[in-house]
Amino acid sequence: MSKILAMGSNEFVVGFQLAGIGTLEVDESNVAEAAGNLMRTGDAGIVILHQKTADIMPPDIKEKVLQSINPVFVVLSRQESSEELRMLIKKSIGVDLWNR
């Protein structure tokens, strides 16, 4: 069974820990390695990232993370564009609901 995992700073993951969701604390020095390990091992089905965590990833790793389907990385942001939402839905269910 795939599990949900929250990945980010201590401040970001503490709420998920309290809810019983697995967490992985990362910072700028180990975020690329942690994301790569999750994609290689398949230990999680869904990885929740804070926007700040995604922003500190090297561009090549960030691109792989955003395109990954196993696990699916969900970036939580205060502002979500409709294009990002469209791509997330398409990646999750395989259908472009906006049909552009």
N, C-alpha and C. Protein backbone atom coordinates (compact mmCIF):
# COMPACT_ATOMS: atom_id res chain seq x y z
N MET A 1 0.84 -1.18 0.00
CA MET A 1 0.00 0.00 0.00
C MET A 1 0.89 1.24 0.00
N SER A 2 0.59 2.17 -0.87
CA SER A 2 1.35 3.42 -0.94
C SER A 2 0.97 4.33 0.21
N LYS A 3 1.95 5.09 0.66
CA LYS A 3 1.67 5.98 1.77
C LYS A 3 1.84 7.43 1.36
N ILE A 4 1.29 8.31 2.18
CA ILE A 4 1.42 9.75 1.99
C ILE A 4 2.56 10.22 2.87
N LEU A 5 3.37 11.11 2.33
CA LEU A 5 4.53 11.62 3.04
C LEU A 5 4.60 13.13 2.84
N ALA A 6 4.89 13.87 3.89
CA ALA A 6 5.10 15.31 3.79
C ALA A 6 6.61 15.57 3.85
N MET A 7 7.11 16.39 2.94
CA MET A 7 8.54 16.66 2.86
C MET A 7 8.77 18.16 2.90
N GLY A 8 9.63 18.60 3.81
CA GLY A 8 9.93 20.03 3.91
C GLY A 8 10.64 20.37 5.20
N SER A 9 10.56 21.63 5.54
CA SER A 9 11.21 22.11 6.77
C SER A 9 10.46 21.58 7.99
N ASN A 10 11.11 21.68 9.13
CA ASN A 10 10.50 21.25 10.39
C ASN A 10 9.17 21.96 10.61
N GLU A 11 9.14 23.26 10.34
CA GLU A 11 7.92 24.04 10.55
C GLU A 11 6.77 23.53 9.67
N PHE A 12 7.10 23.06 8.47
CA PHE A 12 6.08 22.58 7.55
C PHE A 12 5.57 21.19 7.94
N VAL A 13 6.47 20.30 8.32
CA VAL A 13 6.08 18.90 8.52
C VAL A 13 5.46 18.61 9.89
N VAL A 14 5.63 19.49 10.87
CA VAL A 14 5.17 19.19 12.22
C VAL A 14 3.66 18.95 12.28
N GLY A 15 2.88 19.69 11.55
CA GLY A 15 1.43 19.48 11.54
C GLY A 15 1.05 18.13 10.96
N PHE A 16 1.78 17.71 9.94
CA PHE A 16 1.53 16.40 9.34
C PHE A 16 1.89 15.29 10.32
N GLN A 17 2.98 15.49 11.08
CA GLN A 17 3.36 14.50 12.09
C GLN A 17 2.25 14.33 13.12
N LEU A 18 1.67 15.44 13.55
CA LEU A 18 0.59 15.38 14.54
C LEU A 18 -0.64 14.65 13.99
N ALA A 19 -0.82 14.69 12.68
CA ALA A 19 -1.95 14.00 12.05
C ALA A 19 -1.63 12.55 11.72
N GLY A 20 -0.41 12.11 12.03
CA GLY A 20 -0.04 10.72 11.79
C GLY A 20 0.48 10.43 10.40
N ILE A 21 0.78 11.48 9.64
CA ILE A 21 1.32 11.32 8.29
C ILE A 21 2.84 11.27 8.39
N GLY A 22 3.44 10.40 7.62
CA GLY A 22 4.90 10.29 7.60
C GLY A 22 5.53 11.58 7.11
N THR A 23 6.71 11.89 7.62
CA THR A 23 7.38 13.13 7.24
C THR A 23 8.84 12.88 6.93
N LEU A 24 9.39 13.81 6.18
CA LEU A 24 10.81 13.80 5.84
C LEU A 24 11.29 15.23 5.89
N GLU A 25 12.11 15.55 6.90
CA GLU A 25 12.65 16.90 7.02
C GLU A 25 13.81 17.07 6.06
N VAL A 26 13.77 18.14 5.28
CA VAL A 26 14.85 18.44 4.34
C VAL A 26 15.19 19.92 4.41
N ASP A 27 16.39 20.22 3.92
CA ASP A 27 16.79 21.61 3.75
C ASP A 27 17.53 21.70 2.42
N GLU A 28 18.10 22.84 2.15
CA GLU A 28 18.74 23.07 0.85
C GLU A 28 19.87 22.08 0.58
N SER A 29 20.53 21.61 1.63
CA SER A 29 21.68 20.71 1.44
C SER A 29 21.29 19.29 1.06
N ASN A 30 20.06 18.86 1.38
CA ASN A 30 19.71 17.46 1.10
C ASN A 30 18.40 17.26 0.35
N VAL A 31 17.77 18.34 -0.10
CA VAL A 31 16.47 18.21 -0.76
C VAL A 31 16.56 17.43 -2.07
N ALA A 32 17.59 17.65 -2.85
CA ALA A 32 17.72 16.94 -4.14
C ALA A 32 17.92 15.45 -3.91
N GLU A 33 18.77 15.10 -2.96
CA GLU A 33 19.02 13.69 -2.66
C GLU A 33 17.76 13.01 -2.14
N ALA A 34 17.03 13.69 -1.25
CA ALA A 34 15.80 13.11 -0.68
C ALA A 34 14.75 12.88 -1.76
N ALA A 35 14.57 13.84 -2.65
CA ALA A 35 13.58 13.69 -3.73
C ALA A 35 13.99 12.56 -4.66
N GLY A 36 15.27 12.49 -4.99
CA GLY A 36 15.75 11.40 -5.85
C GLY A 36 15.53 10.04 -5.22
N ASN A 37 15.80 9.92 -3.93
CA ASN A 37 15.58 8.65 -3.23
C ASN A 37 14.11 8.24 -3.25
N LEU A 38 13.22 9.20 -3.05
CA LEU A 38 11.78 8.88 -3.07
C LEU A 38 11.35 8.40 -4.46
N MET A 39 11.88 9.01 -5.50
CA MET A 39 11.52 8.59 -6.86
C MET A 39 12.09 7.22 -7.18
N ARG A 40 13.28 6.92 -6.69
CA ARG A 40 13.93 5.63 -6.96
C ARG A 40 13.28 4.48 -6.19
N THR A 41 12.99 4.72 -4.92
CA THR A 41 12.52 3.62 -4.07
C THR A 41 11.02 3.38 -4.15
N GLY A 42 10.25 4.40 -4.47
CA GLY A 42 8.80 4.25 -4.50
C GLY A 42 8.20 4.03 -3.12
N ASP A 43 8.87 4.53 -2.08
CA ASP A 43 8.39 4.36 -0.70
C ASP A 43 7.10 5.10 -0.41
N ALA A 44 6.77 6.09 -1.22
CA ALA A 44 5.55 6.87 -1.00
C ALA A 44 4.77 6.96 -2.30
N GLY A 45 3.46 7.03 -2.19
CA GLY A 45 2.62 7.21 -3.37
C GLY A 45 2.34 8.67 -3.64
N ILE A 46 2.22 9.45 -2.56
CA ILE A 46 1.98 10.89 -2.67
C ILE A 46 2.95 11.59 -1.73
N VAL A 47 3.64 12.60 -2.24
CA VAL A 47 4.56 13.39 -1.43
C VAL A 47 4.05 14.83 -1.46
N ILE A 48 3.77 15.37 -0.28
CA ILE A 48 3.30 16.74 -0.16
C ILE A 48 4.50 17.64 0.11
N LEU A 49 4.68 18.64 -0.74
CA LEU A 49 5.79 19.58 -0.61
C LEU A 49 5.27 20.98 -0.35
N HIS A 50 6.00 21.74 0.40
CA HIS A 50 5.72 23.16 0.55
C HIS A 50 6.34 23.87 -0.65
N GLN A 51 5.75 24.96 -1.10
CA GLN A 51 6.29 25.70 -2.24
C GLN A 51 7.74 26.10 -2.00
N LYS A 52 8.08 26.49 -0.77
CA LYS A 52 9.45 26.89 -0.46
C LYS A 52 10.43 25.73 -0.67
N THR A 53 10.00 24.52 -0.37
CA THR A 53 10.85 23.34 -0.58
C THR A 53 11.07 23.12 -2.06
N ALA A 54 10.01 23.23 -2.84
CA ALA A 54 10.15 23.07 -4.29
C ALA A 54 11.05 24.15 -4.87
N ASP A 55 10.97 25.35 -4.34
CA ASP A 55 11.75 26.46 -4.86
C ASP A 55 13.25 26.33 -4.61
N ILE A 56 13.65 25.58 -3.57
CA ILE A 56 15.09 25.43 -3.31
C ILE A 56 15.71 24.25 -4.05
N MET A 57 14.88 23.49 -4.77
CA MET A 57 15.41 22.35 -5.54
C MET A 57 16.17 22.86 -6.76
N PRO A 58 17.25 22.16 -7.12
CA PRO A 58 17.90 22.49 -8.39
C PRO A 58 16.89 22.33 -9.53
N PRO A 59 16.98 23.17 -10.56
CA PRO A 59 15.98 23.15 -11.63
C PRO A 59 15.76 21.78 -12.27
N ASP A 60 16.82 21.01 -12.49
CA ASP A 60 16.65 19.70 -13.13
C ASP A 60 15.89 18.72 -12.22
N ILE A 61 16.17 18.76 -10.93
CA ILE A 61 15.47 17.89 -9.98
C ILE A 61 14.01 18.34 -9.85
N LYS A 62 13.79 19.64 -9.78
CA LYS A 62 12.42 20.16 -9.65
C LYS A 62 11.58 19.72 -10.85
N GLU A 63 12.14 19.76 -12.04
CA GLU A 63 11.42 19.33 -13.24
C GLU A 63 11.04 17.85 -13.14
N LYS A 64 11.98 17.02 -12.70
CA LYS A 64 11.69 15.59 -12.54
C LYS A 64 10.60 15.36 -11.50
N VAL A 65 10.68 16.09 -10.40
CA VAL A 65 9.69 15.97 -9.33
C VAL A 65 8.30 16.33 -9.84
N LEU A 66 8.20 17.44 -10.56
CA LEU A 66 6.89 17.89 -11.04
C LEU A 66 6.31 16.97 -12.11
N GLN A 67 7.17 16.21 -12.80
CA GLN A 67 6.71 15.29 -13.83
C GLN A 67 6.49 13.87 -13.29
N SER A 68 6.94 13.61 -12.09
CA SER A 68 6.88 12.26 -11.52
C SER A 68 5.44 11.79 -11.34
N ILE A 69 5.22 10.51 -11.67
CA ILE A 69 3.90 9.92 -11.42
C ILE A 69 3.95 8.87 -10.32
N ASN A 70 5.15 8.45 -9.94
CA ASN A 70 5.30 7.50 -8.83
C ASN A 70 6.57 7.83 -8.06
N PRO A 71 6.46 8.60 -7.03
CA PRO A 71 5.26 9.15 -6.41
C PRO A 71 4.77 10.41 -7.12
N VAL A 72 3.54 10.79 -6.82
CA VAL A 72 3.01 12.07 -7.27
C VAL A 72 3.41 13.10 -6.22
N PHE A 73 4.08 14.16 -6.65
CA PHE A 73 4.46 15.24 -5.75
C PHE A 73 3.41 16.34 -5.86
N VAL A 74 2.84 16.73 -4.73
CA VAL A 74 1.84 17.78 -4.68
C VAL A 74 2.46 18.97 -3.97
N VAL A 75 2.55 20.10 -4.67
CA VAL A 75 3.16 21.29 -4.10
C VAL A 75 2.05 22.16 -3.51
N LEU A 76 2.14 22.41 -2.21
CA LEU A 76 1.17 23.28 -1.54
C LEU A 76 1.66 24.71 -1.60
N SER A 77 0.80 25.57 -2.07
CA SER A 77 1.15 26.97 -2.23
C SER A 77 -0.04 27.83 -1.83
N ARG A 78 0.24 29.02 -1.40
CA ARG A 78 -0.85 29.94 -1.07
C ARG A 78 -1.55 30.42 -2.33
N GLN A 79 -0.83 30.43 -3.44
CA GLN A 79 -1.45 30.85 -4.69
C GLN A 79 -1.28 29.74 -5.72
N GLU A 80 -2.37 29.24 -6.20
CA GLU A 80 -2.36 28.13 -7.16
C GLU A 80 -2.91 28.65 -8.48
N SER A 81 -2.11 28.55 -9.52
CA SER A 81 -2.60 28.99 -10.82
C SER A 81 -3.46 27.91 -11.45
N SER A 82 -4.34 28.31 -12.32
CA SER A 82 -5.21 27.34 -12.97
C SER A 82 -4.41 26.39 -13.85
N GLU A 83 -3.30 26.85 -14.41
CA GLU A 83 -2.47 25.99 -15.25
C GLU A 83 -1.82 24.89 -14.40
N GLU A 84 -1.33 25.25 -13.22
CA GLU A 84 -0.74 24.25 -12.33
C GLU A 84 -1.78 23.24 -11.89
N LEU A 85 -2.98 23.71 -11.58
CA LEU A 85 -4.06 22.81 -11.19
C LEU A 85 -4.42 21.89 -12.34
N ARG A 86 -4.48 22.42 -13.54
CA ARG A 86 -4.78 21.61 -14.72
C ARG A 86 -3.76 20.50 -14.89
N MET A 87 -2.48 20.83 -14.76
CA MET A 87 -1.42 19.83 -14.94
C MET A 87 -1.47 18.78 -13.83
N LEU A 88 -1.79 19.18 -12.60
CA LEU A 88 -1.88 18.24 -11.49
C LEU A 88 -3.02 17.25 -11.71
N ILE A 89 -4.16 17.74 -12.16
CA ILE A 89 -5.30 16.86 -12.44
C ILE A 89 -4.96 15.91 -13.58
N LYS A 90 -4.34 16.44 -14.62
CA LYS A 90 -3.97 15.60 -15.76
C LYS A 90 -3.00 14.51 -15.34
N LYS A 91 -2.02 14.86 -14.52
CA LYS A 91 -1.05 13.88 -14.05
C LYS A 91 -1.70 12.85 -13.15
N SER A 92 -2.64 13.27 -12.32
CA SER A 92 -3.26 12.37 -11.37
C SER A 92 -4.23 11.38 -12.00
N ILE A 93 -5.07 11.86 -12.92
CA ILE A 93 -6.09 10.98 -13.49
C ILE A 93 -5.88 10.65 -14.95
N GLY A 94 -4.89 11.29 -15.58
CA GLY A 94 -4.57 10.97 -16.96
C GLY A 94 -5.48 11.60 -17.99
N VAL A 95 -6.32 12.54 -17.58
CA VAL A 95 -7.24 13.20 -18.50
C VAL A 95 -7.13 14.71 -18.34
N ASP A 96 -7.06 15.41 -19.46
CA ASP A 96 -7.01 16.87 -19.43
C ASP A 96 -8.44 17.39 -19.42
N LEU A 97 -8.93 17.76 -18.24
CA LEU A 97 -10.32 18.21 -18.11
C LEU A 97 -10.57 19.54 -18.81
N TRP A 98 -9.53 20.35 -18.97
CA TRP A 98 -9.68 21.62 -19.66
C TRP A 98 -9.61 21.43 -21.18
N ASN A 99 -9.01 20.32 -21.60
CA ASN A 99 -8.92 19.94 -23.02
C ASN A 99 -8.36 21.05 -23.90
N ARG A 100 -7.19 21.56 -23.52
CA ARG A 100 -6.53 22.60 -24.32
C ARG A 100 -5.59 21.99 -25.30
